PDB file of N, CA and C in Angstrom:
ATOM      1  N   MET A   1     -14.224  -4.570  16.963  1.00  0.00           N
ATOM      2  CA  MET A   1     -13.303  -4.067  15.951  1.00  0.00           C
ATOM      3  C   MET A   1     -11.895  -4.061  16.533  1.00  0.00           C
ATOM      4  N   ALA A   2     -10.949  -4.425  15.694  1.00  0.00           N
ATOM      5  CA  ALA A   2      -9.555  -4.462  16.112  1.00  0.00           C
ATOM      6  C   ALA A   2      -8.721  -3.602  15.175  1.00  0.00           C
ATOM      7  N   MET A   3      -7.716  -2.964  15.728  1.00  0.00           N
ATOM      8  CA  MET A   3      -6.732  -2.253  14.921  1.00  0.00           C
ATOM      9  C   MET A   3      -5.621  -3.248  14.601  1.00  0.00           C
ATOM     10  N   VAL A   4      -5.371  -3.457  13.310  1.00  0.00           N
ATOM     11  CA  VAL A   4      -4.333  -4.393  12.894  1.00  0.00           C
ATOM     12  C   VAL A   4      -3.443  -3.733  11.850  1.00  0.00           C
ATOM     13  N   LYS A   5      -2.209  -4.172  11.816  1.00  0.00           N
ATOM     14  CA  LYS A   5      -1.329  -3.746  10.739  1.00  0.00           C
ATOM     15  C   LYS A   5      -1.662  -4.583   9.513  1.00  0.00           C
ATOM     16  N   LEU A   6      -1.527  -3.977   8.351  1.00  0.00           N
ATOM     17  CA  LEU A   6      -1.840  -4.690   7.118  1.00  0.00           C
ATOM     18  C   LEU A   6      -1.055  -5.991   6.990  1.00  0.00           C
ATOM     19  N   ASN A   7       0.159  -6.045   7.561  1.00  0.00           N
ATOM     20  CA  ASN A   7       0.945  -7.271   7.415  1.00  0.00           C
ATOM     21  C   ASN A   7       0.309  -8.465   8.112  1.00  0.00           C
ATOM     22  N   GLU A   8      -0.690  -8.229   8.961  1.00  0.00           N
ATOM     23  CA  GLU A   8      -1.397  -9.314   9.623  1.00  0.00           C
ATOM     24  C   GLU A   8      -2.514  -9.890   8.755  1.00  0.00           C
ATOM     25  N   ILE A   9      -2.934  -9.143   7.735  1.00  0.00           N
ATOM     26  CA  ILE A   9      -4.079  -9.584   6.939  1.00  0.00           C
ATOM     27  C   ILE A   9      -3.834  -9.573   5.433  1.00  0.00           C
ATOM     28  N   ALA A  10      -2.681  -9.113   4.982  1.00  0.00           N
ATOM     29  CA  ALA A  10      -2.454  -8.965   3.541  1.00  0.00           C
ATOM     30  C   ALA A  10      -0.987  -9.158   3.206  1.00  0.00           C
ATOM     31  N   GLN A  11      -0.710  -9.217   1.909  1.00  0.00           N
ATOM     32  CA  GLN A  11       0.652  -9.269   1.397  1.00  0.00           C
ATOM     33  C   GLN A  11       0.826  -8.115   0.416  1.00  0.00           C
ATOM     34  N   SER A  12       2.070  -7.788   0.112  1.00  0.00           N
ATOM     35  CA  SER A  12       2.300  -6.709  -0.843  1.00  0.00           C
ATOM     36  C   SER A  12       3.483  -7.014  -1.749  1.00  0.00           C
ATOM     37  N   ARG A  13       3.528  -6.265  -2.815  1.00  0.00           N
ATOM     38  CA  ARG A  13       4.643  -6.311  -3.759  1.00  0.00           C
ATOM     39  C   ARG A  13       4.787  -4.910  -4.316  1.00  0.00           C
ATOM     40  N   SER A  14       6.001  -4.439  -4.425  1.00  0.00           N
ATOM     41  CA  SER A  14       6.192  -3.076  -4.925  1.00  0.00           C
ATOM     42  C   SER A  14       7.451  -2.964  -5.764  1.00  0.00           C
ATOM     43  N   GLY A  15       7.508  -1.883  -6.514  1.00  0.00           N
ATOM     44  CA  GLY A  15       8.659  -1.596  -7.347  1.00  0.00           C
ATOM     45  C   GLY A  15       8.601  -0.160  -7.821  1.00  0.00           C
ATOM     46  N   ASP A  16       9.584   0.219  -8.613  1.00  0.00           N
ATOM     47  CA  ASP A  16       9.631   1.604  -9.075  1.00  0.00           C
ATOM     48  C   ASP A  16      10.077   1.677 -10.516  1.00  0.00           C
ATOM     49  N   LYS A  17       9.767   2.801 -11.102  1.00  0.00           N
ATOM     50  CA  LYS A  17      10.246   3.166 -12.421  1.00  0.00           C
ATOM     51  C   LYS A  17      10.429   4.666 -12.394  1.00  0.00           C
ATOM     52  N   GLY A  18      11.670   5.107 -12.409  1.00  0.00           N
ATOM     53  CA  GLY A  18      11.936   6.536 -12.308  1.00  0.00           C
ATOM     54  C   GLY A  18      11.524   7.064 -10.955  1.00  0.00           C
ATOM     55  N   ASN A  19      10.643   8.035 -10.955  1.00  0.00           N
ATOM     56  CA  ASN A  19      10.198   8.693  -9.729  1.00  0.00           C
ATOM     57  C   ASN A  19       8.793   8.224  -9.320  1.00  0.00           C
ATOM     58  N   THR A  20       8.372   7.074  -9.854  1.00  0.00           N
ATOM     59  CA  THR A  20       7.039   6.545  -9.606  1.00  0.00           C
ATOM     60  C   THR A  20       7.133   5.173  -8.952  1.00  0.00           C
ATOM     61  N   ILE A  21       6.258   4.946  -7.980  1.00  0.00           N
ATOM     62  CA  ILE A  21       6.228   3.671  -7.260  1.00  0.00           C
ATOM     63  C   ILE A  21       4.903   2.970  -7.523  1.00  0.00           C
ATOM     64  N   ASN A  22       4.966   1.669  -7.624  1.00  0.00           N
ATOM     65  CA  ASN A  22       3.794   0.820  -7.785  1.00  0.00           C
ATOM     66  C   ASN A  22       3.740  -0.116  -6.572  1.00  0.00           C
ATOM     67  N   ILE A  23       2.592  -0.139  -5.873  1.00  0.00           N
ATOM     68  CA  ILE A  23       2.422  -1.023  -4.713  1.00  0.00           C
ATOM     69  C   ILE A  23       1.139  -1.821  -4.894  1.00  0.00           C
ATOM     70  N   GLY A  24       1.273  -3.132  -4.895  1.00  0.00           N
ATOM     71  CA  GLY A  24       0.117  -4.015  -4.925  1.00  0.00           C
ATOM     72  C   GLY A  24      -0.118  -4.583  -3.536  1.00  0.00           C
ATOM     73  N   VAL A  25      -1.365  -4.573  -3.083  1.00  0.00           N
ATOM     74  CA  VAL A  25      -1.735  -5.156  -1.787  1.00  0.00           C
ATOM     75  C   VAL A  25      -2.743  -6.264  -2.077  1.00  0.00           C
ATOM     76  N   PHE A  26      -2.445  -7.473  -1.576  1.00  0.00           N
ATOM     77  CA  PHE A  26      -3.214  -8.665  -1.911  1.00  0.00           C
ATOM     78  C   PHE A  26      -3.926  -9.216  -0.683  1.00  0.00           C
ATOM     79  N   ALA A  27      -5.214  -9.463  -0.824  1.00  0.00           N
ATOM     80  CA  ALA A  27      -6.038  -9.997   0.265  1.00  0.00           C
ATOM     81  C   ALA A  27      -6.091 -11.521   0.175  1.00  0.00           C
ATOM     82  N   PRO A  28      -6.215 -12.200   1.329  1.00  0.00           N
ATOM     83  CA  PRO A  28      -6.302 -13.658   1.315  1.00  0.00           C
ATOM     84  C   PRO A  28      -7.696 -14.194   0.982  1.00  0.00           C
ATOM     85  N   ASN A  29      -8.718 -13.336   1.075  1.00  0.00           N
ATOM     86  CA  ASN A  29     -10.084 -13.779   0.794  1.00  0.00           C
ATOM     87  C   ASN A  29     -10.952 -12.568   0.436  1.00  0.00           C
ATOM     88  N   GLN A  30     -12.158 -12.851   0.000  1.00  0.00           N
ATOM     89  CA  GLN A  30     -13.079 -11.800  -0.463  1.00  0.00           C
ATOM     90  C   GLN A  30     -13.438 -10.812   0.646  1.00  0.00           C
ATOM     91  N   ALA A  31     -13.641 -11.302   1.876  1.00  0.00           N
ATOM     92  CA  ALA A  31     -14.024 -10.420   2.979  1.00  0.00           C
ATOM     93  C   ALA A  31     -12.926  -9.401   3.289  1.00  0.00           C
ATOM     94  N   ILE A  32     -11.694  -9.853   3.314  1.00  0.00           N
ATOM     95  CA  ILE A  32     -10.571  -8.938   3.575  1.00  0.00           C
ATOM     96  C   ILE A  32     -10.387  -7.998   2.382  1.00  0.00           C
ATOM     97  N   TYR A  33     -10.606  -8.490   1.178  1.00  0.00           N
ATOM     98  CA  TYR A  33     -10.528  -7.616   0.001  1.00  0.00           C
ATOM     99  C   TYR A  33     -11.514  -6.457   0.129  1.00  0.00           C
ATOM    100  N   HIS A  34     -12.721  -6.752   0.588  1.00  0.00           N
ATOM    101  CA  HIS A  34     -13.707  -5.689   0.781  1.00  0.00           C
ATOM    102  C   HIS A  34     -13.215  -4.673   1.821  1.00  0.00           C
ATOM    103  N   VAL A  35     -12.580  -5.146   2.874  1.00  0.00           N
ATOM    104  CA  VAL A  35     -12.014  -4.238   3.886  1.00  0.00           C
ATOM    105  C   VAL A  35     -10.944  -3.350   3.246  1.00  0.00           C
ATOM    106  N   LEU A  36     -10.077  -3.954   2.433  1.00  0.00           N
ATOM    107  CA  LEU A  36      -9.034  -3.167   1.767  1.00  0.00           C
ATOM    108  C   LEU A  36      -9.638  -2.086   0.887  1.00  0.00           C
ATOM    109  N   LEU A  37     -10.698  -2.426   0.163  1.00  0.00           N
ATOM    110  CA  LEU A  37     -11.344  -1.428  -0.695  1.00  0.00           C
ATOM    111  C   LEU A  37     -11.908  -0.271   0.117  1.00  0.00           C
ATOM    112  N   THR A  38     -12.399  -0.583   1.304  1.00  0.00           N
ATOM    113  CA  THR A  38     -12.988   0.445   2.158  1.00  0.00           C
ATOM    114  C   THR A  38     -11.936   1.306   2.851  1.00  0.00           C
ATOM    115  N   LYS A  39     -10.890   0.662   3.346  1.00  0.00           N
ATOM    116  CA  LYS A  39      -9.909   1.359   4.191  1.00  0.00           C
ATOM    117  C   LYS A  39      -8.716   1.939   3.433  1.00  0.00           C
ATOM    118  N   LEU A  40      -8.330   1.314   2.333  1.00  0.00           N
ATOM    119  CA  LEU A  40      -7.166   1.793   1.590  1.00  0.00           C
ATOM    120  C   LEU A  40      -7.612   2.703   0.452  1.00  0.00           C
ATOM    121  N   THR A  41      -7.771   3.952   0.780  1.00  0.00           N
ATOM    122  CA  THR A  41      -8.151   4.947  -0.219  1.00  0.00           C
ATOM    123  C   THR A  41      -6.897   5.682  -0.689  1.00  0.00           C
ATOM    124  N   THR A  42      -7.047   6.461  -1.730  1.00  0.00           N
ATOM    125  CA  THR A  42      -5.899   7.255  -2.179  1.00  0.00           C
ATOM    126  C   THR A  42      -5.459   8.221  -1.084  1.00  0.00           C
ATOM    127  N   ASN A  43      -6.418   8.738  -0.337  1.00  0.00           N
ATOM    128  CA  ASN A  43      -6.086   9.675   0.733  1.00  0.00           C
ATOM    129  C   ASN A  43      -5.360   8.988   1.890  1.00  0.00           C
ATOM    130  N   THR A  44      -5.838   7.810   2.330  1.00  0.00           N
ATOM    131  CA  THR A  44      -5.178   7.146   3.460  1.00  0.00           C
ATOM    132  C   THR A  44      -3.756   6.716   3.089  1.00  0.00           C
ATOM    133  N   VAL A  45      -3.561   6.307   1.838  1.00  0.00           N
ATOM    134  CA  VAL A  45      -2.214   5.928   1.402  1.00  0.00           C
ATOM    135  C   VAL A  45      -1.318   7.159   1.325  1.00  0.00           C
ATOM    136  N   LYS A  46      -1.851   8.251   0.811  1.00  0.00           N
ATOM    137  CA  LYS A  46      -1.072   9.502   0.733  1.00  0.00           C
ATOM    138  C   LYS A  46      -0.666   9.975   2.138  1.00  0.00           C
ATOM    139  N   VAL A  47      -1.590   9.897   3.085  1.00  0.00           N
ATOM    140  CA  VAL A  47      -1.285  10.295   4.465  1.00  0.00           C
ATOM    141  C   VAL A  47      -0.246   9.354   5.077  1.00  0.00           C
ATOM    142  N   HIS A  48      -0.381   8.062   4.807  1.00  0.00           N
ATOM    143  CA  HIS A  48       0.568   7.077   5.348  1.00  0.00           C
ATOM    144  C   HIS A  48       1.992   7.374   4.877  1.00  0.00           C
ATOM    145  N   PHE A  49       2.137   7.811   3.647  1.00  0.00           N
ATOM    146  CA  PHE A  49       3.451   8.123   3.096  1.00  0.00           C
ATOM    147  C   PHE A  49       3.743   9.628   3.109  1.00  0.00           C
ATOM    148  N   SER A  50       3.122  10.315   4.043  1.00  0.00           N
ATOM    149  CA  SER A  50       3.299  11.761   4.173  1.00  0.00           C
ATOM    150  C   SER A  50       4.788  12.109   4.294  1.00  0.00           C
ATOM    151  N   GLY A  51       5.196  13.105   3.527  1.00  0.00           N
ATOM    152  CA  GLY A  51       6.587  13.539   3.545  1.00  0.00           C
ATOM    153  C   GLY A  51       7.454  12.813   2.526  1.00  0.00           C
ATOM    154  N   LEU A  52       6.984  11.681   2.031  1.00  0.00           N
ATOM    155  CA  LEU A  52       7.740  10.923   1.039  1.00  0.00           C
ATOM    156  C   LEU A  52       7.150  11.045  -0.358  1.00  0.00           C
ATOM    157  N   VAL A  53       5.825  11.006  -0.441  1.00  0.00           N
ATOM    158  CA  VAL A  53       5.147  11.063  -1.740  1.00  0.00           C
ATOM    159  C   VAL A  53       4.618  12.476  -1.948  1.00  0.00           C
ATOM    160  N   LYS A  54       5.165  13.155  -2.939  1.00  0.00           N
ATOM    161  CA  LYS A  54       4.772  14.541  -3.194  1.00  0.00           C
ATOM    162  C   LYS A  54       3.733  14.655  -4.302  1.00  0.00           C
ATOM    163  N   GLY A  55       3.575  13.611  -5.086  1.00  0.00           N
ATOM    164  CA  GLY A  55       2.646  13.653  -6.209  1.00  0.00           C
ATOM    165  C   GLY A  55       1.331  12.971  -5.912  1.00  0.00           C
ATOM    166  N   LYS A  56       0.699  12.547  -6.976  1.00  0.00           N
ATOM    167  CA  LYS A  56      -0.637  11.955  -6.928  1.00  0.00           C
ATOM    168  C   LYS A  56      -0.572  10.466  -6.579  1.00  0.00           C
ATOM    169  N   VAL A  57      -1.588  10.002  -5.871  1.00  0.00           N
ATOM    170  CA  VAL A  57      -1.770   8.579  -5.600  1.00  0.00           C
ATOM    171  C   VAL A  57      -3.006   8.123  -6.373  1.00  0.00           C
ATOM    172  N   THR A  58      -2.842   7.099  -7.197  1.00  0.00           N
ATOM    173  CA  THR A  58      -3.937   6.546  -7.985  1.00  0.00           C
ATOM    174  C   THR A  58      -4.166   5.108  -7.546  1.00  0.00           C
ATOM    175  N   ARG A  59      -5.433   4.710  -7.428  1.00  0.00           N
ATOM    176  CA  ARG A  59      -5.769   3.348  -7.012  1.00  0.00           C
ATOM    177  C   ARG A  59      -6.454   2.594  -8.147  1.00  0.00           C
ATOM    178  N   TYR A  60      -6.046   1.347  -8.319  1.00  0.00           N
ATOM    179  CA  TYR A  60      -6.665   0.456  -9.292  1.00  0.00           C
ATOM    180  C   TYR A  60      -7.149  -0.789  -8.550  1.00  0.00           C
ATOM    181  N   GLU A  61      -8.397  -1.143  -8.751  1.00  0.00           N
ATOM    182  CA  GLU A  61      -8.967  -2.321  -8.117  1.00  0.00           C
ATOM    183  C   GLU A  61      -8.833  -3.509  -9.056  1.00  0.00           C
ATOM    184  N   MET A  62      -8.419  -4.656  -8.509  1.00  0.00           N
ATOM    185  CA  MET A  62      -8.257  -5.871  -9.291  1.00  0.00           C
ATOM    186  C   MET A  62      -8.996  -7.017  -8.598  1.00  0.00           C
ATOM    187  N   PRO A  63     -10.324  -7.037  -8.714  1.00  0.00           N
ATOM    188  CA  PRO A  63     -11.113  -8.030  -7.984  1.00  0.00           C
ATOM    189  C   PRO A  63     -10.830  -9.471  -8.393  1.00  0.00           C
ATOM    190  N   ASN A  64     -10.374  -9.693  -9.606  1.00  0.00           N
ATOM    191  CA  ASN A  64     -10.108 -11.059 -10.054  1.00  0.00           C
ATOM    192  C   ASN A  64      -8.949 -11.717  -9.308  1.00  0.00           C
ATOM    193  N   ILE A  65      -8.054 -10.917  -8.735  1.00  0.00           N
ATOM    194  CA  ILE A  65      -6.952 -11.470  -7.942  1.00  0.00           C
ATOM    195  C   ILE A  65      -6.970 -10.931  -6.504  1.00  0.00           C
ATOM    196  N   LEU A  66      -8.080 -10.337  -6.111  1.00  0.00           N
ATOM    197  CA  LEU A  66      -8.269  -9.799  -4.755  1.00  0.00           C
ATOM    198  C   LEU A  66      -7.129  -8.851  -4.369  1.00  0.00           C
ATOM    199  N   ALA A  67      -6.854  -7.907  -5.254  1.00  0.00           N
ATOM    200  CA  ALA A  67      -5.757  -6.975  -5.025  1.00  0.00           C
ATOM    201  C   ALA A  67      -6.172  -5.535  -5.288  1.00  0.00           C
ATOM    202  N   VAL A  68      -5.443  -4.640  -4.659  1.00  0.00           N
ATOM    203  CA  VAL A  68      -5.563  -3.209  -4.901  1.00  0.00           C
ATOM    204  C   VAL A  68      -4.163  -2.727  -5.270  1.00  0.00           C
ATOM    205  N   ASN A  69      -4.061  -2.004  -6.367  1.00  0.00           N
ATOM    206  CA  ASN A  69      -2.779  -1.516  -6.833  1.00  0.00           C
ATOM    207  C   ASN A  69      -2.743   0.007  -6.720  1.00  0.00           C
ATOM    208  N   PHE A  70      -1.658   0.524  -6.188  1.00  0.00           N
ATOM    209  CA  PHE A  70      -1.489   1.968  -6.049  1.00  0.00           C
ATOM    210  C   PHE A  70      -0.280   2.415  -6.856  1.00  0.00           C
ATOM    211  N   VAL A  71      -0.439   3.529  -7.551  1.00  0.00           N
ATOM    212  CA  VAL A  71       0.657   4.166  -8.264  1.00  0.00           C
ATOM    213  C   VAL A  71       0.886   5.518  -7.602  1.00  0.00           C
ATOM    214  N   LEU A  72       2.095   5.715  -7.099  1.00  0.00           N
ATOM    215  CA  LEU A  72       2.463   6.927  -6.368  1.00  0.00           C
ATOM    216  C   LEU A  72       3.493   7.694  -7.193  1.00  0.00           C
ATOM    217  N   THR A  73       3.145   8.903  -7.612  1.00  0.00           N
ATOM    218  CA  THR A  73       4.062   9.701  -8.423  1.00  0.00           C
ATOM    219  C   THR A  73       4.848  10.667  -7.540  1.00  0.00           C
ATOM    220  N   GLU A  74       5.964  11.107  -8.073  1.00  0.00           N
ATOM    221  CA  GLU A  74       6.870  12.003  -7.340  1.00  0.00           C
ATOM    222  C   GLU A  74       7.146  11.431  -5.952  1.00  0.00           C
ATOM    223  N   ALA A  75       7.549  10.163  -5.938  1.00  0.00           N
ATOM    224  CA  ALA A  75       7.656   9.445  -4.679  1.00  0.00           C
ATOM    225  C   ALA A  75       9.085   9.074  -4.288  1.00  0.00           C
ATOM    226  N   LEU A  76      10.052   9.276  -5.158  1.00  0.00           N
ATOM    227  CA  LEU A  76      11.419   8.840  -4.858  1.00  0.00           C
ATOM    228  C   LEU A  76      12.435   9.973  -4.923  1.00  0.00           C
ATOM    229  N   ASP A  77      11.961  11.183  -4.672  1.00  0.00           N
ATOM    230  CA  ASP A  77      12.865  12.335  -4.661  1.00  0.00           C
ATOM    231  C   ASP A  77      13.682  12.435  -5.943  1.00  0.00           C
ATOM    232  N   GLY A  78      13.017  12.178  -7.066  1.00  0.00           N
ATOM    233  CA  GLY A  78      13.675  12.294  -8.365  1.00  0.00           C
ATOM    234  C   GLY A  78      13.980  10.958  -9.008  1.00  0.00           C
ATOM    235  N   GLY A  79      14.013   9.895  -8.257  1.00  0.00           N
ATOM    236  CA  GLY A  79      14.306   8.572  -8.808  1.00  0.00           C
ATOM    237  C   GLY A  79      15.603   8.009  -8.282  1.00  0.00           C
ATOM    238  N   GLY A  80      15.795   6.714  -8.500  1.00  0.00           N
ATOM    239  CA  GLY A  80      16.921   5.980  -7.939  1.00  0.00           C
ATOM    240  C   GLY A  80      18.286   6.600  -8.162  1.00  0.00           C
ATOM    241  N   SER A  81      18.583   7.054  -9.365  1.00  0.00           N
ATOM    242  CA  SER A  81      19.928   7.561  -9.645  1.00  0.00           C
ATOM    243  C   SER A  81      20.138   9.015  -9.249  1.00  0.00           C
ATOM    244  N   SER A  82      19.070   9.750  -8.989  1.00  0.00           N
ATOM    245  CA  SER A  82      19.238  11.164  -8.647  1.00  0.00           C
ATOM    246  C   SER A  82      18.841  11.497  -7.215  1.00  0.00           C
ATOM    247  N   SER A  83      18.263  10.552  -6.507  1.00  0.00           N
ATOM    248  CA  SER A  83      17.795  10.805  -5.144  1.00  0.00           C
ATOM    249  C   SER A  83      18.941  10.776  -4.138  1.00  0.00           C
ATOM    250  N   LEU A  84      18.836  11.623  -3.143  1.00  0.00           N
ATOM    251  CA  LEU A  84      19.806  11.620  -2.053  1.00  0.00           C
ATOM    252  C   LEU A  84      19.307  10.827  -0.847  1.00  0.00           C
ATOM    253  N   ARG A  85      18.137  10.226  -0.963  1.00  0.00           N
ATOM    254  CA  ARG A  85      17.611   9.403   0.127  1.00  0.00           C
ATOM    255  C   ARG A  85      18.507   8.190   0.349  1.00  0.00           C
ATOM    256  N   LEU A  86      18.591   7.760   1.582  1.00  0.00           N
ATOM    257  CA  LEU A  86      19.367   6.573   1.911  1.00  0.00           C
ATOM    258  C   LEU A  86      18.816   5.342   1.201  1.00  0.00           C
ATOM    259  N   ASP A  87      17.495   5.193   1.213  1.00  0.00           N
ATOM    260  CA  ASP A  87      16.842   4.098   0.494  1.00  0.00           C
ATOM    261  C   ASP A  87      15.997   4.736  -0.600  1.00  0.00           C
ATOM    262  N   ASN A  88      16.491   4.674  -1.825  1.00  0.00           N
ATOM    263  CA  ASN A  88      15.844   5.411  -2.906  1.00  0.00           C
ATOM    264  C   ASN A  88      15.118   4.506  -3.899  1.00  0.00           C
ATOM    265  N   LEU A  89      14.755   3.299  -3.476  1.00  0.00           N
ATOM    266  CA  LEU A  89      14.069   2.387  -4.366  1.00  0.00           C
ATOM    267  C   LEU A  89      12.651   2.111  -3.890  1.00  0.00           C
ATOM    268  N   GLY A  90      11.764   1.833  -4.814  1.00  0.00           N
ATOM    269  CA  GLY A  90      10.364   1.597  -4.497  1.00  0.00           C
ATOM    270  C   GLY A  90      10.075   0.229  -3.925  1.00  0.00           C
ATOM    271  N   LYS A  91      11.015  -0.713  -4.028  1.00  0.00           N
ATOM    272  CA  LYS A  91      10.728  -2.067  -3.558  1.00  0.00           C
ATOM    273  C   LYS A  91      10.501  -2.130  -2.056  1.00  0.00           C
ATOM    274  N   CYS A  92      10.983  -1.168  -1.321  1.00  0.00           N
ATOM    275  CA  CYS A  92      10.781  -1.148   0.137  1.00  0.00           C
ATOM    276  C   CYS A  92       9.423  -0.568   0.536  1.00  0.00           C
ATOM    277  N   PHE A  93       8.762   0.093  -0.376  1.00  0.00           N
ATOM    278  CA  PHE A  93       7.483   0.728  -0.042  1.00  0.00           C
ATOM    279  C   PHE A  93       6.381  -0.291   0.230  1.00  0.00           C
ATOM    280  N   GLY A  94       6.480  -1.494  -0.326  1.00  0.00           N
ATOM    281  CA  GLY A  94       5.501  -2.531  -0.035  1.00  0.00           C
ATOM    282  C   GLY A  94       5.518  -2.902   1.439  1.00  0.00           C
ATOM    283  N   SER A  95       6.726  -3.081   1.979  1.00  0.00           N
ATOM    284  CA  SER A  95       6.863  -3.368   3.408  1.00  0.00           C
ATOM    285  C   SER A  95       6.382  -2.194   4.249  1.00  0.00           C
ATOM    286  N   ASN A  96       6.687  -1.000   3.791  1.00  0.00           N
ATOM    287  CA  ASN A  96       6.231   0.189   4.523  1.00  0.00           C
ATOM    288  C   ASN A  96       4.708   0.296   4.509  1.00  0.00           C
ATOM    289  N   MET A  97       4.093  -0.070   3.397  1.00  0.00           N
ATOM    290  CA  MET A  97       2.628  -0.049   3.310  1.00  0.00           C
ATOM    291  C   MET A  97       2.027  -1.016   4.322  1.00  0.00           C
ATOM    292  N   LEU A  98       2.659  -2.173   4.497  1.00  0.00           N
ATOM    293  CA  LEU A  98       2.123  -3.181   5.412  1.00  0.00           C
ATOM    294  C   LEU A  98       2.209  -2.766   6.878  1.00  0.00           C
ATOM    295  N   ARG A  99       2.877  -1.688   7.163  1.00  0.00           N
ATOM    296  CA  ARG A  99       2.907  -1.138   8.526  1.00  0.00           C
ATOM    297  C   ARG A  99       1.686  -0.278   8.840  1.00  0.00           C
ATOM    298  N   MET A 100       0.897   0.046   7.807  1.00  0.00           N
ATOM    299  CA  MET A 100      -0.306   0.852   8.006  1.00  0.00           C
ATOM    300  C   MET A 100      -1.287   0.086   8.888  1.00  0.00           C
ATOM    301  N   GLU A 101      -1.900   0.786   9.826  1.00  0.00           N
ATOM    302  CA  GLU A 101      -2.902   0.177  10.696  1.00  0.00           C
ATOM    303  C   GLU A 101      -4.298   0.564  10.231  1.00  0.00           C
ATOM    304  N   ILE A 102      -5.172  -0.454  10.206  1.00  0.00           N
ATOM    305  CA  ILE A 102      -6.566  -0.224   9.839  1.00  0.00           C
ATOM    306  C   ILE A 102      -7.461  -0.972  10.821  1.00  0.00           C
ATOM    307  N   GLU A 103      -8.709  -0.579  10.849  1.00  0.00           N
ATOM    308  CA  GLU A 103      -9.685  -1.219  11.730  1.00  0.00           C
ATOM    309  C   GLU A 103     -10.404  -2.335  10.957  1.00  0.00           C
ATOM    310  N   VAL A 104     -10.486  -3.512  11.605  1.00  0.00           N
ATOM    311  CA  VAL A 104     -11.090  -4.690  10.969  1.00  0.00           C
ATOM    312  C   VAL A 104     -12.017  -5.362  11.971  1.00  0.00           C
ATOM    313  N   ASP A 105     -13.161  -5.846  11.482  1.00  0.00           N
ATOM    314  CA  ASP A 105     -14.077  -6.594  12.343  1.00  0.00           C
ATOM    315  C   ASP A 105     -13.369  -7.825  12.903  1.00  0.00           C
ATOM    316  N   ASP A 106     -13.549  -8.066  14.190  1.00  0.00           N
ATOM    317  CA  ASP A 106     -12.904  -9.195  14.863  1.00  0.00           C
ATOM    318  C   ASP A 106     -13.203 -10.530  14.182  1.00  0.00           C
ATOM    319  N   GLU A 107     -14.420 -10.721  13.729  1.00  0.00           N
ATOM    320  CA  GLU A 107     -14.824 -11.995  13.133  1.00  0.00           C
ATOM    321  C   GLU A 107     -14.055 -12.314  11.854  1.00  0.00           C
ATOM    322  N   LEU A 108     -13.557 -11.284  11.155  1.00  0.00           N
ATOM    323  CA  LEU A 108     -12.788 -11.513   9.932  1.00  0.00           C
ATOM    324  C   LEU A 108     -11.379 -12.008  10.221  1.00  0.00           C
ATOM    325  N   LEU A 109     -10.937 -11.808  11.446  1.00  0.00           N
ATOM    326  CA  LEU A 109      -9.566 -12.190  11.819  1.00  0.00           C
ATOM    327  C   LEU A 109      -9.465 -13.636  12.294  1.00  0.00           C
ATOM    328  N   ILE A 110     -10.590 -14.260  12.569  1.00  0.00           N
ATOM    329  CA  ILE A 110     -10.602 -15.609  13.144  1.00  0.00           C
ATOM    330  C   ILE A 110      -9.944 -16.643  12.239  1.00  0.00           C
ATOM    331  N   ASP A 111     -10.230 -16.606  10.959  1.00  0.00           N
ATOM    332  CA  ASP A 111      -9.740 -17.625  10.033  1.00  0.00           C
ATOM    333  C   ASP A 111      -8.398 -17.299   9.392  1.00  0.00           C
ATOM    334  N   LEU A 112      -7.775 -16.238   9.790  1.00  0.00           N
ATOM    335  CA  LEU A 112      -6.493 -15.859   9.157  1.00  0.00           C
ATOM    336  C   LEU A 112      -5.327 -16.543   9.798  1.00  0.00           C
TER     337      LEU A 112
END
């Protein structure tokens, strides 16, 4: 088993609307998608964004495109126009998500 950052095995896309962030994480194949389903829970994502996301984290599975979508509420300190954060937009959260480290079987990393 190896500890890898998500950016080594997946891609992401994110955005915001008001005080809510949407993050999609995309797997390159079915085996990695299964790993994402196992390792990327609402709790692990909430912990990863500890201190930034004050609301609920909801997960949606999209097996037809090998993706997991997360909706994070109360995540931008009020939203783009009212937040005092230096970076108050959700588009950066996709990159931040890819910094999360998870454990993956070594054999799944061979073909990536």
